[in-house]
């Protein structure tokens, strides 16, 4: 899951959108307005869930509201192309981590 944040110059509140991507599709989980984006970013995912009400589950919103939000975030580049990119980068990262794990495990077992 990833979060995107939009703020307006001179305004304290920011819009936070939590999304996931799967099969080249962006799925919005929550949309929320937060009062302090810097404080929000410093919190762990668990602490954020305790500090802020994330808003209702996105798919429980009226379809017209969902459509409006989707059109809004697409205007900022959160779309299928971004989903493909995120999935690609995630797979590459997973492969790098797996290779490091194999090396460390092999090295450890080879010392016996």
C-alpha atoms as a PDB file:
ATOM      1  CA  UNK A   1       0.000   0.000   0.000  1.00  0.00           C
ATOM      2  CA  UNK A   2       1.138   3.532  -0.615  1.00  0.00           C
ATOM      3  CA  UNK A   3      -0.008   6.929   0.514  1.00  0.00           C
ATOM      4  CA  UNK A   4      -0.169  10.105  -1.507  1.00  0.00           C
ATOM      5  CA  UNK A   5      -0.640  13.497   0.087  1.00  0.00           C
ATOM      6  CA  UNK A   6      -1.922  16.740  -1.417  1.00  0.00           C
ATOM      7  CA  UNK A   7      -1.729  20.099   0.281  1.00  0.00           C
ATOM      8  CA  UNK A   8      -2.543  23.614  -0.779  1.00  0.00           C
ATOM      9  CA  UNK A   9      -0.213  26.553  -0.370  1.00  0.00           C
ATOM     10  CA  UNK A  10      -1.061  28.417   2.813  1.00  0.00           C
ATOM     11  CA  UNK A  11      -3.439  25.752   4.138  1.00  0.00           C
ATOM     12  CA  UNK A  12      -2.670  23.547   7.088  1.00  0.00           C
ATOM     13  CA  UNK A  13      -4.868  20.572   6.128  1.00  0.00           C
ATOM     14  CA  UNK A  14      -3.813  18.003   3.530  1.00  0.00           C
ATOM     15  CA  UNK A  15      -5.610  15.227   1.691  1.00  0.00           C
ATOM     16  CA  UNK A  16      -4.199  11.714   2.201  1.00  0.00           C
ATOM     17  CA  UNK A  17      -5.098   8.897  -0.185  1.00  0.00           C
ATOM     18  CA  UNK A  18      -4.094   5.327   0.689  1.00  0.00           C
ATOM     19  CA  UNK A  19      -3.952   3.050  -2.344  1.00  0.00           C
ATOM     20  CA  UNK A  20      -2.843  -0.412  -3.315  1.00  0.00           C
ATOM     21  CA  UNK A  21      -2.084  -1.724  -6.764  1.00  0.00           C
ATOM     22  CA  UNK A  22      -2.865  -5.178  -8.060  1.00  0.00           C
ATOM     23  CA  UNK A  23      -2.857  -6.460 -11.626  1.00  0.00           C
ATOM     24  CA  UNK A  24      -2.103  -2.972 -12.941  1.00  0.00           C
ATOM     25  CA  UNK A  25      -5.110  -1.490 -11.198  1.00  0.00           C
ATOM     26  CA  UNK A  26      -5.162   1.189  -8.506  1.00  0.00           C
ATOM     27  CA  UNK A  27      -7.470   0.433  -5.593  1.00  0.00           C
ATOM     28  CA  UNK A  28      -8.244   3.258  -3.183  1.00  0.00           C
ATOM     29  CA  UNK A  29      -8.578   2.114   0.418  1.00  0.00           C
ATOM     30  CA  UNK A  30      -9.134   5.372   2.279  1.00  0.00           C
ATOM     31  CA  UNK A  31      -9.229   9.105   1.711  1.00  0.00           C
ATOM     32  CA  UNK A  32      -8.797  11.437   4.647  1.00  0.00           C
ATOM     33  CA  UNK A  33      -8.035  15.061   5.481  1.00  0.00           C
ATOM     34  CA  UNK A  34      -5.298  15.470   8.094  1.00  0.00           C
ATOM     35  CA  UNK A  35      -4.260  18.611   9.969  1.00  0.00           C
ATOM     36  CA  UNK A  36      -0.454  18.184   9.958  1.00  0.00           C
ATOM     37  CA  UNK A  37       1.207  16.285   7.120  1.00  0.00           C
ATOM     38  CA  UNK A  38       4.694  16.372   8.648  1.00  0.00           C
ATOM     39  CA  UNK A  39       3.491  14.857  11.922  1.00  0.00           C
ATOM     40  CA  UNK A  40       1.491  12.297   9.939  1.00  0.00           C
ATOM     41  CA  UNK A  41       4.550  11.215   7.931  1.00  0.00           C
ATOM     42  CA  UNK A  42       6.627  10.682  11.079  1.00  0.00           C
ATOM     43  CA  UNK A  43       4.156   8.201  12.535  1.00  0.00           C
ATOM     44  CA  UNK A  44       4.324   4.458  11.927  1.00  0.00           C
ATOM     45  CA  UNK A  45       1.405   2.868  10.110  1.00  0.00           C
ATOM     46  CA  UNK A  46       0.028   1.546  13.426  1.00  0.00           C
ATOM     47  CA  UNK A  47       0.378   4.915  15.159  1.00  0.00           C
ATOM     48  CA  UNK A  48      -1.370   6.620  12.241  1.00  0.00           C
ATOM     49  CA  UNK A  49      -4.297   4.255  12.609  1.00  0.00           C
ATOM     50  CA  UNK A  50      -4.534   5.226  16.274  1.00  0.00           C
ATOM     51  CA  UNK A  51      -4.045   8.971  15.765  1.00  0.00           C
ATOM     52  CA  UNK A  52      -6.342   9.588  12.794  1.00  0.00           C
ATOM     53  CA  UNK A  53      -9.689   8.252  11.707  1.00  0.00           C
ATOM     54  CA  UNK A  54      -8.888   7.106   8.162  1.00  0.00           C
ATOM     55  CA  UNK A  55     -12.371   7.809   6.891  1.00  0.00           C
ATOM     56  CA  UNK A  56     -14.819   5.187   5.658  1.00  0.00           C
ATOM     57  CA  UNK A  57     -13.676   2.347   3.439  1.00  0.00           C
ATOM     58  CA  UNK A  58     -13.575   3.765  -0.035  1.00  0.00           C
ATOM     59  CA  UNK A  59     -15.733   1.066  -1.611  1.00  0.00           C
ATOM     60  CA  UNK A  60     -18.507   1.823   0.891  1.00  0.00           C
ATOM     61  CA  UNK A  61     -18.887   5.381  -0.422  1.00  0.00           C
ATOM     62  CA  UNK A  62     -21.591   6.331  -2.886  1.00  0.00           C
ATOM     63  CA  UNK A  63     -20.499   5.400  -6.415  1.00  0.00           C
ATOM     64  CA  UNK A  64     -20.651   9.030  -7.563  1.00  0.00           C
ATOM     65  CA  UNK A  65     -18.319  10.069  -4.736  1.00  0.00           C
ATOM     66  CA  UNK A  66     -15.927   7.237  -5.638  1.00  0.00           C
ATOM     67  CA  UNK A  67     -15.942   8.266  -9.297  1.00  0.00           C
ATOM     68  CA  UNK A  68     -15.234  11.897  -8.410  1.00  0.00           C
ATOM     69  CA  UNK A  69     -12.285  10.958  -6.202  1.00  0.00           C
ATOM     70  CA  UNK A  70     -10.883   8.586  -8.840  1.00  0.00           C
ATOM     71  CA  UNK A  71     -11.053  11.329 -11.464  1.00  0.00           C
ATOM     72  CA  UNK A  72      -9.363  13.748  -9.047  1.00  0.00           C
ATOM     73  CA  UNK A  73      -6.415  11.459  -8.236  1.00  0.00           C
ATOM     74  CA  UNK A  74      -5.996  10.446 -11.888  1.00  0.00           C
ATOM     75  CA  UNK A  75      -5.438  14.113 -12.579  1.00  0.00           C
ATOM     76  CA  UNK A  76      -2.343  13.829 -10.378  1.00  0.00           C
ATOM     77  CA  UNK A  77      -0.999  10.749 -12.144  1.00  0.00           C
ATOM     78  CA  UNK A  78      -2.341   8.060  -9.841  1.00  0.00           C
ATOM     79  CA  UNK A  79      -3.503   5.680 -12.534  1.00  0.00           C
ATOM     80  CA  UNK A  80      -2.876   2.310 -14.172  1.00  0.00           C
ATOM     81  CA  UNK A  81       0.545   3.381 -15.483  1.00  0.00           C
ATOM     82  CA  UNK A  82       1.649   4.185 -11.939  1.00  0.00           C
ATOM     83  CA  UNK A  83       0.277   0.833 -10.747  1.00  0.00           C
ATOM     84  CA  UNK A  84       2.393  -1.016 -13.338  1.00  0.00           C
ATOM     85  CA  UNK A  85       5.472   0.977 -12.299  1.00  0.00           C
ATOM     86  CA  UNK A  86       4.934   0.331  -8.564  1.00  0.00           C
ATOM     87  CA  UNK A  87       4.386  -3.377  -9.157  1.00  0.00           C
ATOM     88  CA  UNK A  88       7.549  -3.583 -11.271  1.00  0.00           C
ATOM     89  CA  UNK A  89       9.678  -1.786  -8.675  1.00  0.00           C
ATOM     90  CA  UNK A  90       8.203  -3.947  -5.893  1.00  0.00           C
ATOM     91  CA  UNK A  91       9.077  -7.150  -7.747  1.00  0.00           C
ATOM     92  CA  UNK A  92      12.635  -5.929  -8.359  1.00  0.00           C
ATOM     93  CA  UNK A  93      13.022  -5.037  -4.689  1.00  0.00           C
ATOM     94  CA  UNK A  94      11.655  -8.408  -3.617  1.00  0.00           C
ATOM     95  CA  UNK A  95      14.159 -10.141  -5.907  1.00  0.00           C
ATOM     96  CA  UNK A  96      17.096  -8.119  -4.494  1.00  0.00           C
ATOM     97  CA  UNK A  97      16.037  -8.894  -0.927  1.00  0.00           C
ATOM     98  CA  UNK A  98      15.624 -12.572  -1.757  1.00  0.00           C
ATOM     99  CA  UNK A  99      19.126 -12.715  -3.277  1.00  0.00           C
ATOM    100  CA  UNK A 100      20.624 -11.057  -0.177  1.00  0.00           C
ATOM    101  CA  UNK A 101      18.766 -13.543   1.993  1.00  0.00           C
ATOM    102  CA  UNK A 102      20.090 -16.462  -0.063  1.00  0.00           C
ATOM    103  CA  UNK A 103      23.651 -15.140   0.200  1.00  0.00           C
ATOM    104  CA  UNK A 104      23.420 -14.581   3.959  1.00  0.00           C
ATOM    105  CA  UNK A 105      21.820 -17.967   4.562  1.00  0.00           C
ATOM    106  CA  UNK A 106      24.330 -19.761   2.341  1.00  0.00           C
ATOM    107  CA  UNK A 107      27.238 -17.978   4.027  1.00  0.00           C
ATOM    108  CA  UNK A 108      25.913 -18.856   7.483  1.00  0.00           C
ATOM    109  CA  UNK A 109      25.314 -22.509   6.621  1.00  0.00           C
ATOM    110  CA  UNK A 110      28.681 -22.776   4.855  1.00  0.00           C
ATOM    111  CA  UNK A 111      30.522 -21.912   8.085  1.00  0.00           C
ATOM    112  CA  UNK A 112      29.586 -25.185   9.763  1.00  0.00           C
END
